[in-house]
């Protein structure tokens, strides 16, 4: 009986110790970061910048797993259903964790319950842009022209956030412009370059080179952060007295729910360390992304704030994907 008792004690102790041991040894095999977009886009670039440094620091491979499709739903579902052990992570975008729940009648994942936030990764600076040959010289000109010709001026946008920004701009400025949706920033840049649309909202990645070349004109930025590429660019409230609030396309790193807190915290600290590196920051800024980090709790709070602000805008937009 004493032998059986000792054996049972050893077995129970082993079961209790195993999760702690796994956390202490984390990572001891390759980590997969799922990117719900094709290669080459901003989220893919950020994942690879982080992955390279993380691999060197942890002494384990970091695999970037591109799973594009269905407005990030395919990649998000994969990670939501993965083991909560810290070896499968998701480079989520704002639409993954906020907008999709309002754009689909049924999602195969719950953005609020199926993920453990790790850290914010990046926040773009949104820009209001026109063609340099346009008669629209300022944001006030744009609003005046839109008020003079309701329903005649077109707003181009390529991401869910920028499409909803067009709708929000109409509401806050008291104007009626027509949303022309595109599939990504490259198409948006081409549309404003060829004057297929009158103005666009977009991040810097595609339009900034054309602004620098003199083909496009930036009228305003959508938040007050410094933007060294155009240091004198006013905010939209400064340029036109219209405040859209904190509107930005953002990226966040998350894990499956129930991933142990020590692993989440280790990953959060690691990403903060990586994104404080001047070389990494410079390379991220070059593709129009502003590195930004947070604690897991701060990211969870940020997601909740974002989720509360968009449902009415989505309803007004009429956008729906199923």
C-alpha atoms as a PDB file:
ATOM      1  CA  UNK A   1       0.000   0.000   0.000  1.00  0.00           C
ATOM      2  CA  UNK A   2       2.888   2.341   0.809  1.00  0.00           C
ATOM      3  CA  UNK A   3       4.395   1.606  -2.648  1.00  0.00           C
ATOM      4  CA  UNK A   4       1.035   2.360  -4.323  1.00  0.00           C
ATOM      5  CA  UNK A   5       0.709   5.554  -2.280  1.00  0.00           C
ATOM      6  CA  UNK A   6       4.209   6.698  -3.243  1.00  0.00           C
ATOM      7  CA  UNK A   7       3.569   5.877  -6.909  1.00  0.00           C
ATOM      8  CA  UNK A   8       0.313   7.817  -6.876  1.00  0.00           C
ATOM      9  CA  UNK A   9       2.035  10.782  -5.231  1.00  0.00           C
ATOM     10  CA  UNK A  10       4.807  10.771  -7.847  1.00  0.00           C
ATOM     11  CA  UNK A  11       2.241  10.559 -10.664  1.00  0.00           C
ATOM     12  CA  UNK A  12       0.145  13.446  -9.282  1.00  0.00           C
ATOM     13  CA  UNK A  13       3.245  15.558  -8.632  1.00  0.00           C
ATOM     14  CA  UNK A  14       4.400  14.913 -12.177  1.00  0.00           C
ATOM     15  CA  UNK A  15       1.065  15.975 -13.603  1.00  0.00           C
ATOM     16  CA  UNK A  16       1.136  19.181 -11.565  1.00  0.00           C
ATOM     17  CA  UNK A  17       4.746  19.960 -12.460  1.00  0.00           C
ATOM     18  CA  UNK A  18       4.524  19.263 -16.198  1.00  0.00           C
ATOM     19  CA  UNK A  19       2.707  22.498 -17.230  1.00  0.00           C
ATOM     20  CA  UNK A  20       5.119  24.573 -15.109  1.00  0.00           C
ATOM     21  CA  UNK A  21       8.096  22.793 -16.641  1.00  0.00           C
ATOM     22  CA  UNK A  22       6.737  23.418 -20.142  1.00  0.00           C
ATOM     23  CA  UNK A  23       6.357  27.101 -19.353  1.00  0.00           C
ATOM     24  CA  UNK A  24       9.844  27.343 -17.854  1.00  0.00           C
ATOM     25  CA  UNK A  25      11.372  25.692 -20.936  1.00  0.00           C
ATOM     26  CA  UNK A  26       9.364  27.780 -23.413  1.00  0.00           C
ATOM     27  CA  UNK A  27      10.136  27.841 -26.256  1.00  0.00           C
ATOM     28  CA  UNK A  28      11.820  24.532 -26.953  1.00  0.00           C
ATOM     29  CA  UNK A  29      10.590  24.119 -30.542  1.00  0.00           C
ATOM     30  CA  UNK A  30       9.666  26.412 -33.463  1.00  0.00           C
ATOM     31  CA  UNK A  31       6.979  29.061 -33.041  1.00  0.00           C
ATOM     32  CA  UNK A  32       4.496  29.651 -35.865  1.00  0.00           C
ATOM     33  CA  UNK A  33       3.153  33.162 -36.461  1.00  0.00           C
ATOM     34  CA  UNK A  34       0.082  32.976 -38.687  1.00  0.00           C
ATOM     35  CA  UNK A  35      -0.317  36.007 -40.953  1.00  0.00           C
ATOM     36  CA  UNK A  36      -3.837  36.162 -42.457  1.00  0.00           C
ATOM     37  CA  UNK A  37      -2.542  37.948 -45.577  1.00  0.00           C
ATOM     38  CA  UNK A  38      -0.316  37.116 -48.552  1.00  0.00           C
ATOM     39  CA  UNK A  39       3.423  37.722 -48.357  1.00  0.00           C
ATOM     40  CA  UNK A  40       4.745  41.232 -48.813  1.00  0.00           C
ATOM     41  CA  UNK A  41       2.042  43.230 -47.056  1.00  0.00           C
ATOM     42  CA  UNK A  42       2.600  45.318 -43.913  1.00  0.00           C
ATOM     43  CA  UNK A  43       1.486  42.616 -41.467  1.00  0.00           C
ATOM     44  CA  UNK A  44       3.719  40.062 -43.194  1.00  0.00           C
ATOM     45  CA  UNK A  45       6.675  42.462 -43.068  1.00  0.00           C
ATOM     46  CA  UNK A  46       6.112  43.133 -39.363  1.00  0.00           C
ATOM     47  CA  UNK A  47       5.775  39.422 -38.592  1.00  0.00           C
ATOM     48  CA  UNK A  48       9.064  38.693 -40.359  1.00  0.00           C
ATOM     49  CA  UNK A  49      10.889  41.561 -38.646  1.00  0.00           C
ATOM     50  CA  UNK A  50       9.718  40.283 -35.269  1.00  0.00           C
ATOM     51  CA  UNK A  51      10.252  36.632 -36.181  1.00  0.00           C
ATOM     52  CA  UNK A  52      13.891  37.131 -37.196  1.00  0.00           C
ATOM     53  CA  UNK A  53      14.806  38.789 -33.909  1.00  0.00           C
ATOM     54  CA  UNK A  54      12.689  36.432 -31.816  1.00  0.00           C
ATOM     55  CA  UNK A  55      14.365  33.408 -33.387  1.00  0.00           C
ATOM     56  CA  UNK A  56      17.805  34.784 -32.551  1.00  0.00           C
ATOM     57  CA  UNK A  57      16.824  35.663 -28.973  1.00  0.00           C
ATOM     58  CA  UNK A  58      14.991  32.408 -28.199  1.00  0.00           C
ATOM     59  CA  UNK A  59      17.318  30.099 -30.120  1.00  0.00           C
ATOM     60  CA  UNK A  60      14.343  28.536 -31.894  1.00  0.00           C
ATOM     61  CA  UNK A  61      12.964  28.888 -35.394  1.00  0.00           C
ATOM     62  CA  UNK A  62      10.040  31.252 -35.991  1.00  0.00           C
ATOM     63  CA  UNK A  63       7.945  30.215 -38.985  1.00  0.00           C
ATOM     64  CA  UNK A  64       5.776  32.814 -40.736  1.00  0.00           C
ATOM     65  CA  UNK A  65       2.681  30.972 -41.939  1.00  0.00           C
ATOM     66  CA  UNK A  66       0.691  32.998 -44.493  1.00  0.00           C
ATOM     67  CA  UNK A  67      -2.997  32.019 -44.506  1.00  0.00           C
ATOM     68  CA  UNK A  68      -4.806  34.709 -46.527  1.00  0.00           C
ATOM     69  CA  UNK A  69      -8.497  34.843 -47.317  1.00  0.00           C
ATOM     70  CA  UNK A  70     -11.995  35.783 -46.145  1.00  0.00           C
ATOM     71  CA  UNK A  71     -10.935  39.096 -44.617  1.00  0.00           C
ATOM     72  CA  UNK A  72      -8.530  37.294 -42.207  1.00  0.00           C
ATOM     73  CA  UNK A  73     -11.147  34.749 -41.077  1.00  0.00           C
ATOM     74  CA  UNK A  74      -9.184  31.727 -42.381  1.00  0.00           C
ATOM     75  CA  UNK A  75      -6.039  32.514 -40.409  1.00  0.00           C
ATOM     76  CA  UNK A  76      -7.948  33.590 -37.316  1.00  0.00           C
ATOM     77  CA  UNK A  77      -9.969  30.374 -37.191  1.00  0.00           C
ATOM     78  CA  UNK A  78      -6.807  28.296 -37.513  1.00  0.00           C
ATOM     79  CA  UNK A  79      -5.178  29.970 -34.525  1.00  0.00           C
ATOM     80  CA  UNK A  80      -8.372  30.014 -32.435  1.00  0.00           C
ATOM     81  CA  UNK A  81      -8.544  26.226 -32.728  1.00  0.00           C
ATOM     82  CA  UNK A  82      -4.826  25.625 -32.081  1.00  0.00           C
ATOM     83  CA  UNK A  83      -3.324  24.274 -28.868  1.00  0.00           C
ATOM     84  CA  UNK A  84      -2.885  27.013 -26.225  1.00  0.00           C
ATOM     85  CA  UNK A  85       0.821  26.352 -25.760  1.00  0.00           C
ATOM     86  CA  UNK A  86       2.432  29.472 -27.216  1.00  0.00           C
ATOM     87  CA  UNK A  87       3.625  27.807 -30.408  1.00  0.00           C
ATOM     88  CA  UNK A  88       0.890  29.133 -32.717  1.00  0.00           C
ATOM     89  CA  UNK A  89       0.302  32.893 -32.708  1.00  0.00           C
ATOM     90  CA  UNK A  90      -1.745  35.246 -34.869  1.00  0.00           C
ATOM     91  CA  UNK A  91      -0.634  38.575 -36.320  1.00  0.00           C
ATOM     92  CA  UNK A  92      -4.135  40.028 -36.194  1.00  0.00           C
ATOM     93  CA  UNK A  93      -5.359  43.242 -37.796  1.00  0.00           C
ATOM     94  CA  UNK A  94      -8.130  45.472 -36.484  1.00  0.00           C
ATOM     95  CA  UNK A  95     -10.763  43.843 -38.681  1.00  0.00           C
ATOM     96  CA  UNK A  96      -9.866  40.402 -37.251  1.00  0.00           C
ATOM     97  CA  UNK A  97     -10.511  41.360 -33.644  1.00  0.00           C
ATOM     98  CA  UNK A  98     -13.078  44.150 -34.037  1.00  0.00           C
ATOM     99  CA  UNK A  99     -14.863  44.724 -37.344  1.00  0.00           C
ATOM    100  CA  UNK A 100     -15.455  41.155 -38.529  1.00  0.00           C
ATOM    101  CA  UNK A 101     -17.980  40.482 -35.775  1.00  0.00           C
ATOM    102  CA  UNK A 102     -20.172  43.236 -37.268  1.00  0.00           C
ATOM    103  CA  UNK A 103     -19.514  42.362 -40.918  1.00  0.00           C
ATOM    104  CA  UNK A 104     -20.381  38.648 -40.733  1.00  0.00           C
ATOM    105  CA  UNK A 105     -23.633  37.223 -39.388  1.00  0.00           C
ATOM    106  CA  UNK A 106     -21.669  34.243 -38.087  1.00  0.00           C
ATOM    107  CA  UNK A 107     -17.937  33.915 -37.472  1.00  0.00           C
ATOM    108  CA  UNK A 108     -16.116  30.598 -36.895  1.00  0.00           C
ATOM    109  CA  UNK A 109     -14.283  32.270 -34.003  1.00  0.00           C
ATOM    110  CA  UNK A 110     -15.188  34.654 -31.194  1.00  0.00           C
ATOM    111  CA  UNK A 111     -12.851  37.664 -31.279  1.00  0.00           C
ATOM    112  CA  UNK A 112     -13.498  38.457 -27.614  1.00  0.00           C
ATOM    113  CA  UNK A 113     -13.254  34.939 -26.167  1.00  0.00           C
ATOM    114  CA  UNK A 114     -11.035  32.830 -28.412  1.00  0.00           C
ATOM    115  CA  UNK A 115      -7.768  34.766 -28.148  1.00  0.00           C
ATOM    116  CA  UNK A 116      -5.323  35.807 -25.449  1.00  0.00           C
ATOM    117  CA  UNK A 117      -3.912  39.286 -26.203  1.00  0.00           C
ATOM    118  CA  UNK A 118      -0.117  39.540 -26.159  1.00  0.00           C
ATOM    119  CA  UNK A 119       0.811  43.011 -27.375  1.00  0.00           C
ATOM    120  CA  UNK A 120      -0.036  45.743 -29.800  1.00  0.00           C
ATOM    121  CA  UNK A 121       2.491  45.662 -32.647  1.00  0.00           C
ATOM    122  CA  UNK A 122       1.843  48.640 -34.915  1.00  0.00           C
ATOM    123  CA  UNK A 123      -0.477  51.568 -35.562  1.00  0.00           C
ATOM    124  CA  UNK A 124      -0.419  53.304 -38.914  1.00  0.00           C
ATOM    125  CA  UNK A 125      -0.953  57.025 -39.324  1.00  0.00           C
ATOM    126  CA  UNK A 126      -3.980  57.514 -41.551  1.00  0.00           C
ATOM    127  CA  UNK A 127      -3.713  60.136 -44.270  1.00  0.00           C
ATOM    128  CA  UNK A 128      -6.291  62.143 -46.217  1.00  0.00           C
ATOM    129  CA  UNK A 129      -4.916  62.367 -49.760  1.00  0.00           C
ATOM    130  CA  UNK A 130      -5.879  63.898 -53.121  1.00  0.00           C
ATOM    131  CA  UNK A 131      -4.239  64.018 -56.527  1.00  0.00           C
ATOM    132  CA  UNK A 132      -1.712  66.846 -56.730  1.00  0.00           C
ATOM    133  CA  UNK A 133      -3.505  68.194 -59.831  1.00  0.00           C
ATOM    134  CA  UNK A 134      -6.834  68.385 -57.993  1.00  0.00           C
ATOM    135  CA  UNK A 135      -8.555  71.695 -57.318  1.00  0.00           C
ATOM    136  CA  UNK A 136      -8.853  70.489 -53.719  1.00  0.00           C
ATOM    137  CA  UNK A 137      -5.967  72.181 -51.948  1.00  0.00           C
ATOM    138  CA  UNK A 138      -7.047  71.775 -48.320  1.00  0.00           C
ATOM    139  CA  UNK A 139      -9.344  69.651 -46.203  1.00  0.00           C
ATOM    140  CA  UNK A 140     -11.670  72.657 -45.918  1.00  0.00           C
ATOM    141  CA  UNK A 141     -11.815  72.826 -49.728  1.00  0.00           C
ATOM    142  CA  UNK A 142     -12.838  69.173 -49.835  1.00  0.00           C
ATOM    143  CA  UNK A 143     -15.655  69.645 -47.346  1.00  0.00           C
ATOM    144  CA  UNK A 144     -16.906  72.785 -49.098  1.00  0.00           C
ATOM    145  CA  UNK A 145     -16.889  71.028 -52.466  1.00  0.00           C
ATOM    146  CA  UNK A 146     -18.723  68.006 -51.036  1.00  0.00           C
ATOM    147  CA  UNK A 147     -21.392  70.234 -49.482  1.00  0.00           C
ATOM    148  CA  UNK A 148     -21.863  72.034 -52.789  1.00  0.00           C
ATOM    149  CA  UNK A 149     -22.289  68.766 -54.721  1.00  0.00           C
ATOM    150  CA  UNK A 150     -23.893  66.092 -52.486  1.00  0.00           C
ATOM    151  CA  UNK A 151     -23.350  62.561 -53.763  1.00  0.00           C
ATOM    152  CA  UNK A 152     -20.991  63.679 -56.536  1.00  0.00           C
ATOM    153  CA  UNK A 153     -17.587  63.299 -54.863  1.00  0.00           C
ATOM    154  CA  UNK A 154     -16.008  59.864 -54.396  1.00  0.00           C
ATOM    155  CA  UNK A 155     -13.988  58.544 -51.453  1.00  0.00           C
ATOM    156  CA  UNK A 156     -11.658  55.623 -52.204  1.00  0.00           C
ATOM    157  CA  UNK A 157     -10.518  53.110 -49.578  1.00  0.00           C
ATOM    158  CA  UNK A 158      -8.947  49.654 -49.539  1.00  0.00           C
ATOM    159  CA  UNK A 159      -9.144  48.274 -45.989  1.00  0.00           C
ATOM    160  CA  UNK A 160     -12.143  47.827 -43.737  1.00  0.00           C
ATOM    161  CA  UNK A 161     -10.900  50.597 -41.457  1.00  0.00           C
ATOM    162  CA  UNK A 162     -10.380  53.113 -44.246  1.00  0.00           C
ATOM    163  CA  UNK A 163     -13.733  52.242 -45.823  1.00  0.00           C
ATOM    164  CA  UNK A 164     -15.417  52.911 -42.514  1.00  0.00           C
ATOM    165  CA  UNK A 165     -13.365  56.102 -42.188  1.00  0.00           C
ATOM    166  CA  UNK A 166     -15.025  57.398 -45.364  1.00  0.00           C
ATOM    167  CA  UNK A 167     -18.416  56.757 -43.741  1.00  0.00           C
ATOM    168  CA  UNK A 168     -17.324  58.346 -40.457  1.00  0.00           C
ATOM    169  CA  UNK A 169     -15.956  61.389 -42.314  1.00  0.00           C
ATOM    170  CA  UNK A 170     -19.330  61.905 -44.003  1.00  0.00           C
ATOM    171  CA  UNK A 171     -21.070  61.754 -40.645  1.00  0.00           C
ATOM    172  CA  UNK A 172     -18.707  64.050 -38.730  1.00  0.00           C
ATOM    173  CA  UNK A 173     -18.280  66.596 -41.542  1.00  0.00           C
ATOM    174  CA  UNK A 174     -21.972  66.639 -42.465  1.00  0.00           C
ATOM    175  CA  UNK A 175     -21.344  65.744 -46.093  1.00  0.00           C
ATOM    176  CA  UNK A 176     -22.498  63.125 -48.595  1.00  0.00           C
ATOM    177  CA  UNK A 177     -19.695  61.451 -50.537  1.00  0.00           C
ATOM    178  CA  UNK A 178     -19.779  58.073 -52.279  1.00  0.00           C
ATOM    179  CA  UNK A 179     -17.580  55.222 -51.050  1.00  0.00           C
ATOM    180  CA  UNK A 180     -15.679  53.403 -53.800  1.00  0.00           C
ATOM    181  CA  UNK A 181     -14.168  50.244 -52.276  1.00  0.00           C
ATOM    182  CA  UNK A 182     -10.891  48.753 -53.493  1.00  0.00           C
ATOM    183  CA  UNK A 183      -8.899  45.632 -52.627  1.00  0.00           C
ATOM    184  CA  UNK A 184      -5.950  47.030 -50.756  1.00  0.00           C
ATOM    185  CA  UNK A 185      -3.650  50.029 -50.714  1.00  0.00           C
ATOM    186  CA  UNK A 186      -2.029  49.399 -54.097  1.00  0.00           C
ATOM    187  CA  UNK A 187      -5.394  49.731 -55.863  1.00  0.00           C
ATOM    188  CA  UNK A 188      -6.242  52.817 -53.811  1.00  0.00           C
ATOM    189  CA  UNK A 189      -2.975  54.509 -54.775  1.00  0.00           C
ATOM    190  CA  UNK A 190      -3.624  53.749 -58.444  1.00  0.00           C
ATOM    191  CA  UNK A 191      -7.180  55.088 -58.183  1.00  0.00           C
ATOM    192  CA  UNK A 192      -6.160  58.458 -56.758  1.00  0.00           C
ATOM    193  CA  UNK A 193      -3.160  58.665 -59.083  1.00  0.00           C
ATOM    194  CA  UNK A 194      -5.433  58.245 -62.123  1.00  0.00           C
ATOM    195  CA  UNK A 195      -8.122  60.468 -60.552  1.00  0.00           C
ATOM    196  CA  UNK A 196     -10.651  57.644 -60.579  1.00  0.00           C
ATOM    197  CA  UNK A 197     -11.625  58.936 -57.134  1.00  0.00           C
ATOM    198  CA  UNK A 198     -11.579  62.440 -55.677  1.00  0.00           C
ATOM    199  CA  UNK A 199      -9.927  61.660 -52.340  1.00  0.00           C
ATOM    200  CA  UNK A 200      -8.766  58.680 -50.324  1.00  0.00           C
ATOM    201  CA  UNK A 201      -8.014  57.654 -46.775  1.00  0.00           C
ATOM    202  CA  UNK A 202      -5.018  55.346 -46.492  1.00  0.00           C
ATOM    203  CA  UNK A 203      -1.872  54.572 -44.566  1.00  0.00           C
ATOM    204  CA  UNK A 204       1.512  55.741 -45.850  1.00  0.00           C
ATOM    205  CA  UNK A 205       2.785  52.462 -47.295  1.00  0.00           C
ATOM    206  CA  UNK A 206       1.456  52.927 -50.852  1.00  0.00           C
ATOM    207  CA  UNK A 207       0.753  56.662 -51.103  1.00  0.00           C
ATOM    208  CA  UNK A 208       3.822  58.147 -49.399  1.00  0.00           C
ATOM    209  CA  UNK A 209       6.220  57.557 -52.332  1.00  0.00           C
ATOM    210  CA  UNK A 210       3.699  59.289 -54.628  1.00  0.00           C
ATOM    211  CA  UNK A 211       3.353  62.171 -52.182  1.00  0.00           C
ATOM    212  CA  UNK A 212       7.134  62.558 -52.110  1.00  0.00           C
ATOM    213  CA  UNK A 213       7.282  62.457 -55.910  1.00  0.00           C
ATOM    214  CA  UNK A 214       4.712  65.270 -56.121  1.00  0.00           C
ATOM    215  CA  UNK A 215       1.991  63.172 -57.765  1.00  0.00           C
ATOM    216  CA  UNK A 216      -0.284  63.187 -54.717  1.00  0.00           C
ATOM    217  CA  UNK A 217      -1.026  65.735 -52.003  1.00  0.00           C
ATOM    218  CA  UNK A 218      -1.623  64.908 -48.341  1.00  0.00           C
ATOM    219  CA  UNK A 219      -4.210  67.208 -46.777  1.00  0.00           C
ATOM    220  CA  UNK A 220      -4.226  65.934 -43.197  1.00  0.00           C
ATOM    221  CA  UNK A 221      -3.261  63.120 -40.849  1.00  0.00           C
ATOM    222  CA  UNK A 222      -5.762  61.352 -38.610  1.00  0.00           C
ATOM    223  CA  UNK A 223      -3.936  61.515 -35.290  1.00  0.00           C
ATOM    224  CA  UNK A 224      -1.519  63.800 -33.507  1.00  0.00           C
ATOM    225  CA  UNK A 225       1.564  61.578 -33.546  1.00  0.00           C
ATOM    226  CA  UNK A 226       4.634  63.082 -35.238  1.00  0.00           C
ATOM    227  CA  UNK A 227       5.002  62.060 -38.867  1.00  0.00           C
ATOM    228  CA  UNK A 228       8.613  62.859 -39.848  1.00  0.00           C
ATOM    229  CA  UNK A 229       8.000  62.112 -43.550  1.00  0.00           C
ATOM    230  CA  UNK A 230       5.676  65.168 -43.712  1.00  0.00           C
ATOM    231  CA  UNK A 231       6.561  67.091 -40.547  1.00  0.00           C
ATOM    232  CA  UNK A 232       4.225  70.051 -41.124  1.00  0.00           C
ATOM    233  CA  UNK A 233       1.134  68.016 -42.026  1.00  0.00           C
ATOM    234  CA  UNK A 234      -1.816  69.164 -39.867  1.00  0.00           C
ATOM    235  CA  UNK A 235      -4.246  66.857 -38.139  1.00  0.00           C
ATOM    236  CA  UNK A 236      -7.765  66.703 -39.538  1.00  0.00           C
ATOM    237  CA  UNK A 237      -9.156  68.714 -36.585  1.00  0.00           C
ATOM    238  CA  UNK A 238      -6.500  71.359 -37.216  1.00  0.00           C
ATOM    239  CA  UNK A 239      -7.064  71.374 -40.977  1.00  0.00           C
ATOM    240  CA  UNK A 240     -10.868  71.317 -41.058  1.00  0.00           C
ATOM    241  CA  UNK A 241     -12.271  71.251 -37.539  1.00  0.00           C
ATOM    242  CA  UNK A 242     -13.421  67.637 -38.005  1.00  0.00           C
ATOM    243  CA  UNK A 243     -12.443  65.104 -35.348  1.00  0.00           C
ATOM    244  CA  UNK A 244     -12.848  61.416 -36.225  1.00  0.00           C
ATOM    245  CA  UNK A 245     -11.237  60.267 -32.998  1.00  0.00           C
ATOM    246  CA  UNK A 246      -8.391  57.750 -32.948  1.00  0.00           C
ATOM    247  CA  UNK A 247      -8.709  56.161 -36.399  1.00  0.00           C
ATOM    248  CA  UNK A 248      -5.839  53.900 -37.334  1.00  0.00           C
ATOM    249  CA  UNK A 249      -5.196  50.527 -38.911  1.00  0.00           C
ATOM    250  CA  UNK A 250      -3.493  48.527 -36.178  1.00  0.00           C
ATOM    251  CA  UNK A 251      -1.841  45.156 -35.721  1.00  0.00           C
ATOM    252  CA  UNK A 252      -1.844  43.040 -32.574  1.00  0.00           C
ATOM    253  CA  UNK A 253      -0.216  39.736 -31.673  1.00  0.00           C
ATOM    254  CA  UNK A 254      -2.530  37.227 -29.996  1.00  0.00           C
ATOM    255  CA  UNK A 255      -2.481  33.564 -28.945  1.00  0.00           C
ATOM    256  CA  UNK A 256      -5.241  30.977 -28.470  1.00  0.00           C
ATOM    257  CA  UNK A 257      -7.262  31.475 -25.286  1.00  0.00           C
ATOM    258  CA  UNK A 258      -5.999  29.667 -22.186  1.00  0.00           C
ATOM    259  CA  UNK A 259      -2.361  30.091 -23.233  1.00  0.00           C
ATOM    260  CA  UNK A 260      -0.530  30.234 -19.885  1.00  0.00           C
ATOM    261  CA  UNK A 261       0.086  33.741 -18.548  1.00  0.00           C
ATOM    262  CA  UNK A 262       3.868  33.226 -18.110  1.00  0.00           C
ATOM    263  CA  UNK A 263       4.163  32.435 -21.830  1.00  0.00           C
ATOM    264  CA  UNK A 264       2.011  35.435 -22.788  1.00  0.00           C
ATOM    265  CA  UNK A 265       4.111  37.707 -20.598  1.00  0.00           C
ATOM    266  CA  UNK A 266       7.375  36.332 -21.999  1.00  0.00           C
ATOM    267  CA  UNK A 267       6.202  36.958 -25.557  1.00  0.00           C
ATOM    268  CA  UNK A 268       4.972  40.448 -24.694  1.00  0.00           C
ATOM    269  CA  UNK A 269       8.325  41.412 -23.184  1.00  0.00           C
ATOM    270  CA  UNK A 270      10.178  39.941 -26.147  1.00  0.00           C
ATOM    271  CA  UNK A 271       8.167  41.889 -28.745  1.00  0.00           C
ATOM    272  CA  UNK A 272       8.597  45.102 -26.721  1.00  0.00           C
ATOM    273  CA  UNK A 273      12.341  44.519 -26.731  1.00  0.00           C
ATOM    274  CA  UNK A 274      12.393  43.837 -30.484  1.00  0.00           C
ATOM    275  CA  UNK A 275      10.340  46.876 -31.439  1.00  0.00           C
ATOM    276  CA  UNK A 276      12.518  49.175 -29.324  1.00  0.00           C
ATOM    277  CA  UNK A 277      15.467  48.293 -31.562  1.00  0.00           C
ATOM    278  CA  UNK A 278      16.265  51.354 -33.749  1.00  0.00           C
ATOM    279  CA  UNK A 279      16.957  49.216 -36.822  1.00  0.00           C
ATOM    280  CA  UNK A 280      13.646  47.362 -36.536  1.00  0.00           C
ATOM    281  CA  UNK A 281      11.792  50.652 -35.996  1.00  0.00           C
ATOM    282  CA  UNK A 282      13.423  52.207 -39.062  1.00  0.00           C
ATOM    283  CA  UNK A 283      12.548  49.217 -41.238  1.00  0.00           C
ATOM    284  CA  UNK A 284       8.949  49.239 -39.999  1.00  0.00           C
ATOM    285  CA  UNK A 285       8.611  52.978 -40.591  1.00  0.00           C
ATOM    286  CA  UNK A 286       9.871  52.452 -44.139  1.00  0.00           C
ATOM    287  CA  UNK A 287       6.737  50.447 -44.971  1.00  0.00           C
ATOM    288  CA  UNK A 288       4.442  52.973 -43.321  1.00  0.00           C
ATOM    289  CA  UNK A 289       3.915  51.209 -40.006  1.00  0.00           C
ATOM    290  CA  UNK A 290       4.487  52.845 -36.643  1.00  0.00           C
ATOM    291  CA  UNK A 291       5.726  50.224 -34.159  1.00  0.00           C
ATOM    292  CA  UNK A 292       3.658  50.274 -30.972  1.00  0.00           C
ATOM    293  CA  UNK A 293       3.588  47.917 -28.005  1.00  0.00           C
ATOM    294  CA  UNK A 294       1.425  47.318 -24.956  1.00  0.00           C
ATOM    295  CA  UNK A 295       0.948  44.964 -22.073  1.00  0.00           C
ATOM    296  CA  UNK A 296      -1.535  42.117 -22.601  1.00  0.00           C
ATOM    297  CA  UNK A 297      -4.036  43.918 -20.352  1.00  0.00           C
ATOM    298  CA  UNK A 298      -3.631  47.164 -22.281  1.00  0.00           C
ATOM    299  CA  UNK A 299      -4.256  45.392 -25.584  1.00  0.00           C
ATOM    300  CA  UNK A 300      -7.364  43.707 -24.160  1.00  0.00           C
ATOM    301  CA  UNK A 301      -8.697  47.105 -23.038  1.00  0.00           C
ATOM    302  CA  UNK A 302      -7.844  48.683 -26.384  1.00  0.00           C
ATOM    303  CA  UNK A 303      -9.721  45.953 -28.269  1.00  0.00           C
ATOM    304  CA  UNK A 304     -12.781  46.511 -26.079  1.00  0.00           C
ATOM    305  CA  UNK A 305     -12.681  50.260 -26.741  1.00  0.00           C
ATOM    306  CA  UNK A 306     -12.393  49.703 -30.475  1.00  0.00           C
ATOM    307  CA  UNK A 307     -15.211  47.151 -30.473  1.00  0.00           C
ATOM    308  CA  UNK A 308     -17.542  49.675 -28.835  1.00  0.00           C
ATOM    309  CA  UNK A 309     -16.964  52.458 -31.353  1.00  0.00           C
ATOM    310  CA  UNK A 310     -17.518  50.741 -34.722  1.00  0.00           C
ATOM    311  CA  UNK A 311     -20.904  48.936 -34.812  1.00  0.00           C
ATOM    312  CA  UNK A 312     -22.939  52.059 -35.608  1.00  0.00           C
ATOM    313  CA  UNK A 313     -20.486  53.067 -38.336  1.00  0.00           C
ATOM    314  CA  UNK A 314     -20.633  49.572 -39.876  1.00  0.00           C
ATOM    315  CA  UNK A 315     -24.442  49.756 -39.848  1.00  0.00           C
ATOM    316  CA  UNK A 316     -24.414  53.119 -41.616  1.00  0.00           C
ATOM    317  CA  UNK A 317     -21.925  51.840 -44.186  1.00  0.00           C
ATOM    318  CA  UNK A 318     -24.142  48.934 -45.268  1.00  0.00           C
ATOM    319  CA  UNK A 319     -21.057  46.739 -45.586  1.00  0.00           C
ATOM    320  CA  UNK A 320     -21.665  43.023 -45.071  1.00  0.00           C
ATOM    321  CA  UNK A 321     -19.721  39.949 -46.157  1.00  0.00           C
ATOM    322  CA  UNK A 322     -22.267  37.126 -45.921  1.00  0.00           C
END
